[in-house]
Amino acid sequence: MKIYSCCGTDSITKKHACPTCRESKHEEKEVSGNGTVYSYTKIHIAPAEFADIAPYNVVLVDLDEANAKVTARIQEDVAIGDAVKLSRIENGAYVYEKVSNTSAVV
């Protein structure tokens, strides 16, 4: 996933000008897309183009490697604070999945 940075402001979209300082130069960097669920809503009655995958969650992901949030789709049930990772980009939409907790209980 690409992030565009300028003067401490990160964005997942390349802007013509930085919303903070109005400069047109941005640093482009690649990040993993891993993050934490900041907010979510479950869609039960979806628009026609997504009706076949309903119900699904729309999540706001706070990215680990950038000062930015991304809106994405995820099939699994989630809670605020869940760790998630970018699975794929499908038709311009970010699709995430929950990160499995692999730590063993002793």
Foldseek 3Di string as FASTA:
>chain_A
DKWWDDPQDIDPDQDCADPPPRHRDTDIDDDFQKFFFQDKDWDACDPPVCNVLPGWMWTWTCDPPGRGIFTAIERDDDDGGFIKGFDDQDPNGTYIYTDDDPDDDD
